[in-house]
Amino acid sequence: RQPLRAVVTTTRSEYVYWGQGTQV
């Protein structure tokens, strides 16, 4: 959700616009 974030985040709530998923 945050553009140009300096360090990657592993926090799920920081991600938006999820796709429908693909089954593995």
PDB file of all heavy atoms in Angstrom:
ATOM      1  N   ARG A   1       0.804  -1.213   0.000  1.00  0.00           N
ATOM      2  CA  ARG A   1       0.000   0.000   0.000  1.00  0.00           C
ATOM      3  C   ARG A   1       0.840   1.269   0.000  1.00  0.00           C
ATOM      4  O   ARG A   1       0.358   2.336  -0.368  1.00  0.00           O
ATOM      5  CB  ARG A   1      -0.938   0.024   1.209  1.00  0.00           C
ATOM      6  CG  ARG A   1      -0.242   0.147   2.538  1.00  0.00           C
ATOM      7  CD  ARG A   1      -1.211   0.431   3.667  1.00  0.00           C
ATOM      8  NE  ARG A   1      -2.079  -0.700   3.940  1.00  0.00           N
ATOM      9  CZ  ARG A   1      -3.384  -0.661   3.765  1.00  0.00           C
ATOM     10  NH1 ARG A   1      -3.959   0.434   3.303  1.00  0.00           N
ATOM     11  NH2 ARG A   1      -4.123  -1.705   4.065  1.00  0.00           N
ATOM     12  N   GLN A   2       2.092   1.180   0.419  1.00  0.00           N
ATOM     13  CA  GLN A   2       2.953   2.350   0.525  1.00  0.00           C
ATOM     14  C   GLN A   2       3.942   2.389  -0.623  1.00  0.00           C
ATOM     15  O   GLN A   2       4.831   1.534  -0.723  1.00  0.00           O
ATOM     16  CB  GLN A   2       3.720   2.337   1.846  1.00  0.00           C
ATOM     17  CG  GLN A   2       4.635   3.530   2.033  1.00  0.00           C
ATOM     18  CD  GLN A   2       5.377   3.490   3.352  1.00  0.00           C
ATOM     19  OE1 GLN A   2       4.846   3.020   4.359  1.00  0.00           O
ATOM     20  NE2 GLN A   2       6.604   3.971   3.358  1.00  0.00           N
ATOM     21  N   PRO A   3       3.846   3.380  -1.510  1.00  0.00           N
ATOM     22  CA  PRO A   3       4.809   3.470  -2.607  1.00  0.00           C
ATOM     23  C   PRO A   3       6.217   3.815  -2.115  1.00  0.00           C
ATOM     24  O   PRO A   3       6.372   4.462  -1.076  1.00  0.00           O
ATOM     25  CB  PRO A   3       4.242   4.596  -3.484  1.00  0.00           C
ATOM     26  CG  PRO A   3       3.393   5.399  -2.574  1.00  0.00           C
ATOM     27  CD  PRO A   3       2.853   4.455  -1.559  1.00  0.00           C
ATOM     28  N   LEU A   4       7.190   3.329  -2.830  1.00  0.00           N
ATOM     29  CA  LEU A   4       8.606   3.642  -2.587  1.00  0.00           C
ATOM     30  C   LEU A   4       9.047   3.294  -1.162  1.00  0.00           C
ATOM     31  O   LEU A   4       9.922   3.965  -0.603  1.00  0.00           O
ATOM     32  CB  LEU A   4       8.870   5.126  -2.875  1.00  0.00           C
ATOM     33  CG  LEU A   4       8.503   5.593  -4.285  1.00  0.00           C
ATOM     34  CD1 LEU A   4       8.745   7.089  -4.422  1.00  0.00           C
ATOM     35  CD2 LEU A   4       9.306   4.833  -5.338  1.00  0.00           C
ATOM     36  N   ARG A   5       8.464   2.253  -0.597  1.00  0.00           N
ATOM     37  CA  ARG A   5       8.868   1.817   0.749  1.00  0.00           C
ATOM     38  C   ARG A   5      10.321   1.375   0.694  1.00  0.00           C
ATOM     39  O   ARG A   5      10.709   0.586  -0.166  1.00  0.00           O
ATOM     40  CB  ARG A   5       7.971   0.687   1.236  1.00  0.00           C
ATOM     41  CG  ARG A   5       8.170   0.367   2.717  1.00  0.00           C
ATOM     42  CD  ARG A   5       7.456  -0.913   3.077  1.00  0.00           C
ATOM     43  NE  ARG A   5       6.020  -0.882   2.924  1.00  0.00           N
ATOM     44  CZ  ARG A   5       5.166  -0.607   3.904  1.00  0.00           C
ATOM     45  NH1 ARG A   5       5.619  -0.328   5.120  1.00  0.00           N
ATOM     46  NH2 ARG A   5       3.867  -0.630   3.682  1.00  0.00           N
ATOM     47  N   ALA A   6      11.117   1.825   1.655  1.00  0.00           N
ATOM     48  CA  ALA A   6      12.557   1.546   1.619  1.00  0.00           C
ATOM     49  C   ALA A   6      12.866   0.089   1.934  1.00  0.00           C
ATOM     50  O   ALA A   6      13.789  -0.496   1.350  1.00  0.00           O
ATOM     51  CB  ALA A   6      13.284   2.464   2.600  1.00  0.00           C
ATOM     52  N   VAL A   7      12.103  -0.504   2.840  1.00  0.00           N
ATOM     53  CA  VAL A   7      12.359  -1.879   3.258  1.00  0.00           C
ATOM     54  C   VAL A   7      11.089  -2.690   3.010  1.00  0.00           C
ATOM     55  O   VAL A   7      10.003  -2.245   3.349  1.00  0.00           O
ATOM     56  CB  VAL A   7      12.735  -1.942   4.757  1.00  0.00           C
ATOM     57  CG1 VAL A   7      12.972  -3.377   5.177  1.00  0.00           C
ATOM     58  CG2 VAL A   7      13.969  -1.086   5.013  1.00  0.00           C
ATOM     59  N   VAL A   8      11.225  -3.875   2.446  1.00  0.00           N
ATOM     60  CA  VAL A   8      10.040  -4.691   2.177  1.00  0.00           C
ATOM     61  C   VAL A   8       9.333  -5.038   3.482  1.00  0.00           C
ATOM     62  O   VAL A   8       9.957  -5.172   4.523  1.00  0.00           O
ATOM     63  CB  VAL A   8      10.386  -5.983   1.418  1.00  0.00           C
ATOM     64  CG1 VAL A   8      10.935  -5.673   0.043  1.00  0.00           C
ATOM     65  CG2 VAL A   8      11.373  -6.833   2.184  1.00  0.00           C
ATOM     66  N   THR A   9       8.034  -5.185   3.387  1.00  0.00           N
ATOM     67  CA  THR A   9       7.250  -5.556   4.552  1.00  0.00           C
ATOM     68  C   THR A   9       6.679  -6.956   4.370  1.00  0.00           C
ATOM     69  O   THR A   9       6.326  -7.356   3.268  1.00  0.00           O
ATOM     70  CB  THR A   9       6.109  -4.548   4.802  1.00  0.00           C
ATOM     71  OG1 THR A   9       5.325  -4.994   5.907  1.00  0.00           O
ATOM     72  CG2 THR A   9       5.203  -4.408   3.580  1.00  0.00           C
ATOM     73  N   THR A  10       6.598  -7.691   5.471  1.00  0.00           N
ATOM     74  CA  THR A  10       6.017  -9.028   5.457  1.00  0.00           C
ATOM     75  C   THR A  10       4.632  -9.025   6.082  1.00  0.00           C
ATOM     76  O   THR A  10       4.012 -10.082   6.219  1.00  0.00           O
ATOM     77  CB  THR A  10       6.909 -10.018   6.230  1.00  0.00           C
ATOM     78  OG1 THR A  10       6.960  -9.625   7.603  1.00  0.00           O
ATOM     79  CG2 THR A  10       8.328 -10.033   5.670  1.00  0.00           C
ATOM     80  N   THR A  11       4.161  -7.851   6.453  1.00  0.00           N
ATOM     81  CA  THR A  11       2.878  -7.723   7.149  1.00  0.00           C
ATOM     82  C   THR A  11       1.723  -7.777   6.170  1.00  0.00           C
ATOM     83  O   THR A  11       1.623  -6.926   5.277  1.00  0.00           O
ATOM     84  CB  THR A  11       2.835  -6.408   7.936  1.00  0.00           C
ATOM     85  OG1 THR A  11       3.942  -6.358   8.828  1.00  0.00           O
ATOM     86  CG2 THR A  11       1.534  -6.299   8.725  1.00  0.00           C
ATOM     87  N   ARG A  12       0.865  -8.727   6.351  1.00  0.00           N
ATOM     88  CA  ARG A  12      -0.245  -8.941   5.430  1.00  0.00           C
ATOM     89  C   ARG A  12      -1.117  -7.700   5.254  1.00  0.00           C
ATOM     90  O   ARG A  12      -1.538  -7.373   4.141  1.00  0.00           O
ATOM     91  CB  ARG A  12      -1.088 -10.107   5.933  1.00  0.00           C
ATOM     92  CG  ARG A  12      -2.342 -10.392   5.150  1.00  0.00           C
ATOM     93  CD  ARG A  12      -3.087 -11.518   5.803  1.00  0.00           C
ATOM     94  NE  ARG A  12      -4.484 -11.548   5.398  1.00  0.00           N
ATOM     95  CZ  ARG A  12      -5.375 -12.375   5.921  1.00  0.00           C
ATOM     96  NH1 ARG A  12      -5.011 -13.244   6.843  1.00  0.00           N
ATOM     97  NH2 ARG A  12      -6.623 -12.349   5.507  1.00  0.00           N
ATOM     98  N   SER A  13      -1.379  -6.991   6.336  1.00  0.00           N
ATOM     99  CA  SER A  13      -2.277  -5.831   6.280  1.00  0.00           C
ATOM    100  C   SER A  13      -1.688  -4.658   5.497  1.00  0.00           C
ATOM    101  O   SER A  13      -2.397  -3.709   5.175  1.00  0.00           O
ATOM    102  CB  SER A  13      -2.646  -5.366   7.690  1.00  0.00           C
ATOM    103  OG  SER A  13      -1.482  -4.989   8.402  1.00  0.00           O
ATOM    104  N   GLU A  14      -0.400  -4.729   5.187  1.00  0.00           N
ATOM    105  CA  GLU A  14       0.233  -3.679   4.394  1.00  0.00           C
ATOM    106  C   GLU A  14       0.078  -3.910   2.897  1.00  0.00           C
ATOM    107  O   GLU A  14       0.529  -3.090   2.101  1.00  0.00           O
ATOM    108  CB  GLU A  14       1.721  -3.578   4.739  1.00  0.00           C
ATOM    109  CG  GLU A  14       1.987  -3.037   6.146  1.00  0.00           C
ATOM    110  CD  GLU A  14       1.460  -1.629   6.302  1.00  0.00           C
ATOM    111  OE1 GLU A  14       1.823  -0.751   5.516  1.00  0.00           O
ATOM    112  OE2 GLU A  14       0.638  -1.417   7.236  1.00  0.00           O
ATOM    113  N   TYR A  15      -0.564  -5.006   2.544  1.00  0.00           N
ATOM    114  CA  TYR A  15      -0.768  -5.316   1.128  1.00  0.00           C
ATOM    115  C   TYR A  15      -2.246  -5.168   0.774  1.00  0.00           C
ATOM    116  O   TYR A  15      -3.133  -5.530   1.545  1.00  0.00           O
ATOM    117  CB  TYR A  15      -0.278  -6.725   0.808  1.00  0.00           C
ATOM    118  CG  TYR A  15       1.230  -6.833   0.839  1.00  0.00           C
ATOM    119  CD1 TYR A  15       1.907  -7.091   2.024  1.00  0.00           C
ATOM    120  CD2 TYR A  15       1.984  -6.636  -0.323  1.00  0.00           C
ATOM    121  CE1 TYR A  15       3.284  -7.149   2.065  1.00  0.00           C
ATOM    122  CE2 TYR A  15       3.369  -6.706  -0.290  1.00  0.00           C
ATOM    123  CZ  TYR A  15       4.005  -6.964   0.906  1.00  0.00           C
ATOM    124  OH  TYR A  15       5.378  -7.022   0.937  1.00  0.00           O
ATOM    125  N   VAL A  16      -2.458  -4.651  -0.410  1.00  0.00           N
ATOM    126  CA  VAL A  16      -3.823  -4.414  -0.864  1.00  0.00           C
ATOM    127  C   VAL A  16      -3.984  -4.981  -2.269  1.00  0.00           C
ATOM    128  O   VAL A  16      -3.032  -5.448  -2.890  1.00  0.00           O
ATOM    129  CB  VAL A  16      -4.152  -2.902  -0.861  1.00  0.00           C
ATOM    130  CG1 VAL A  16      -4.174  -2.364   0.563  1.00  0.00           C
ATOM    131  CG2 VAL A  16      -3.150  -2.125  -1.701  1.00  0.00           C
ATOM    132  N   TYR A  17      -5.202  -4.908  -2.763  1.00  0.00           N
ATOM    133  CA  TYR A  17      -5.530  -5.342  -4.122  1.00  0.00           C
ATOM    134  C   TYR A  17      -5.127  -6.783  -4.375  1.00  0.00           C
ATOM    135  O   TYR A  17      -4.427  -7.102  -5.338  1.00  0.00           O
ATOM    136  CB  TYR A  17      -4.857  -4.446  -5.159  1.00  0.00           C
ATOM    137  CG  TYR A  17      -5.312  -3.004  -5.111  1.00  0.00           C
ATOM    138  CD1 TYR A  17      -4.400  -1.978  -4.896  1.00  0.00           C
ATOM    139  CD2 TYR A  17      -6.649  -2.676  -5.264  1.00  0.00           C
ATOM    140  CE1 TYR A  17      -4.806  -0.666  -4.839  1.00  0.00           C
ATOM    141  CE2 TYR A  17      -7.067  -1.359  -5.206  1.00  0.00           C
ATOM    142  CZ  TYR A  17      -6.144  -0.355  -5.007  1.00  0.00           C
ATOM    143  OH  TYR A  17      -6.553   0.945  -4.949  1.00  0.00           O
ATOM    144  N   TRP A  18      -5.562  -7.683  -3.550  1.00  0.00           N
ATOM    145  CA  TRP A  18      -5.257  -9.094  -3.729  1.00  0.00           C
ATOM    146  C   TRP A  18      -5.904  -9.634  -4.987  1.00  0.00           C
ATOM    147  O   TRP A  18      -7.010  -9.239  -5.359  1.00  0.00           O
ATOM    148  CB  TRP A  18      -5.779  -9.896  -2.537  1.00  0.00           C
ATOM    149  CG  TRP A  18      -5.148  -9.515  -1.249  1.00  0.00           C
ATOM    150  CD1 TRP A  18      -5.661  -8.676  -0.297  1.00  0.00           C
ATOM    151  CD2 TRP A  18      -3.879  -9.927  -0.762  1.00  0.00           C
ATOM    152  NE1 TRP A  18      -4.792  -8.564   0.750  1.00  0.00           N
ATOM    153  CE2 TRP A  18      -3.691  -9.318   0.494  1.00  0.00           C
ATOM    154  CE3 TRP A  18      -2.887 -10.776  -1.253  1.00  0.00           C
ATOM    155  CZ2 TRP A  18      -2.542  -9.525   1.261  1.00  0.00           C
ATOM    156  CZ3 TRP A  18      -1.755 -10.981  -0.492  1.00  0.00           C
ATOM    157  CH2 TRP A  18      -1.589 -10.360   0.750  1.00  0.00           C
ATOM    158  N   GLY A  19      -5.205 -10.609  -5.616  1.00  0.00           N
ATOM    159  CA  GLY A  19      -5.790 -11.309  -6.745  1.00  0.00           C
ATOM    160  C   GLY A  19      -6.693 -12.427  -6.261  1.00  0.00           C
ATOM    161  O   GLY A  19      -6.949 -12.565  -5.067  1.00  0.00           O
ATOM    162  N   GLN A  20      -7.152 -13.257  -7.198  1.00  0.00           N
ATOM    163  CA  GLN A  20      -8.065 -14.339  -6.863  1.00  0.00           C
ATOM    164  C   GLN A  20      -7.312 -15.581  -6.376  1.00  0.00           C
ATOM    165  O   GLN A  20      -7.922 -16.511  -5.848  1.00  0.00           O
ATOM    166  CB  GLN A  20      -8.935 -14.701  -8.073  1.00  0.00           C
ATOM    167  CG  GLN A  20      -8.280 -15.640  -9.105  1.00  0.00           C
ATOM    168  CD  GLN A  20      -7.126 -14.998  -9.859  1.00  0.00           C
ATOM    169  OE1 GLN A  20      -6.962 -13.781  -9.877  1.00  0.00           O
ATOM    170  NE2 GLN A  20      -6.320 -15.837 -10.511  1.00  0.00           N
ATOM    171  N   GLY A  21      -6.011 -15.585  -6.573  1.00  0.00           N
ATOM    172  CA  GLY A  21      -5.205 -16.711  -6.127  1.00  0.00           C
ATOM    173  C   GLY A  21      -5.049 -17.783  -7.191  1.00  0.00           C
ATOM    174  O   GLY A  21      -5.836 -17.886  -8.136  1.00  0.00           O
ATOM    175  N   THR A  22      -4.002 -18.583  -7.028  1.00  0.00           N
ATOM    176  CA  THR A  22      -3.770 -19.714  -7.912  1.00  0.00           C
ATOM    177  C   THR A  22      -3.392 -20.915  -7.052  1.00  0.00           C
ATOM    178  O   THR A  22      -2.571 -20.812  -6.148  1.00  0.00           O
ATOM    179  CB  THR A  22      -2.691 -19.399  -8.970  1.00  0.00           C
ATOM    180  OG1 THR A  22      -2.579 -20.485  -9.895  1.00  0.00           O
ATOM    181  CG2 THR A  22      -1.329 -19.111  -8.352  1.00  0.00           C
ATOM    182  N   GLN A  23      -4.018 -22.042  -7.326  1.00  0.00           N
ATOM    183  CA  GLN A  23      -3.835 -23.235  -6.509  1.00  0.00           C
ATOM    184  C   GLN A  23      -2.543 -23.957  -6.870  1.00  0.00           C
ATOM    185  O   GLN A  23      -2.284 -24.234  -8.054  1.00  0.00           O
ATOM    186  CB  GLN A  23      -5.009 -24.203  -6.698  1.00  0.00           C
ATOM    187  CG  GLN A  23      -4.870 -25.515  -5.956  1.00  0.00           C
ATOM    188  CD  GLN A  23      -5.014 -25.368  -4.455  1.00  0.00           C
ATOM    189  OE1 GLN A  23      -5.945 -24.725  -3.975  1.00  0.00           O
ATOM    190  NE2 GLN A  23      -4.090 -25.969  -3.703  1.00  0.00           N
ATOM    191  N   VAL A  24      -1.767 -24.268  -5.851  1.00  0.00           N
ATOM    192  CA  VAL A  24      -0.564 -25.086  -5.999  1.00  0.00           C
ATOM    193  C   VAL A  24      -0.762 -26.332  -5.153  1.00  0.00           C
ATOM    194  O   VAL A  24      -1.003 -26.239  -3.947  1.00  0.00           O
ATOM    195  CB  VAL A  24       0.691 -24.325  -5.551  1.00  0.00           C
ATOM    196  CG1 VAL A  24       1.899 -25.260  -5.515  1.00  0.00           C
ATOM    197  CG2 VAL A  24       0.961 -23.153  -6.479  1.00  0.00           C
TER     198      VAL A  24
END
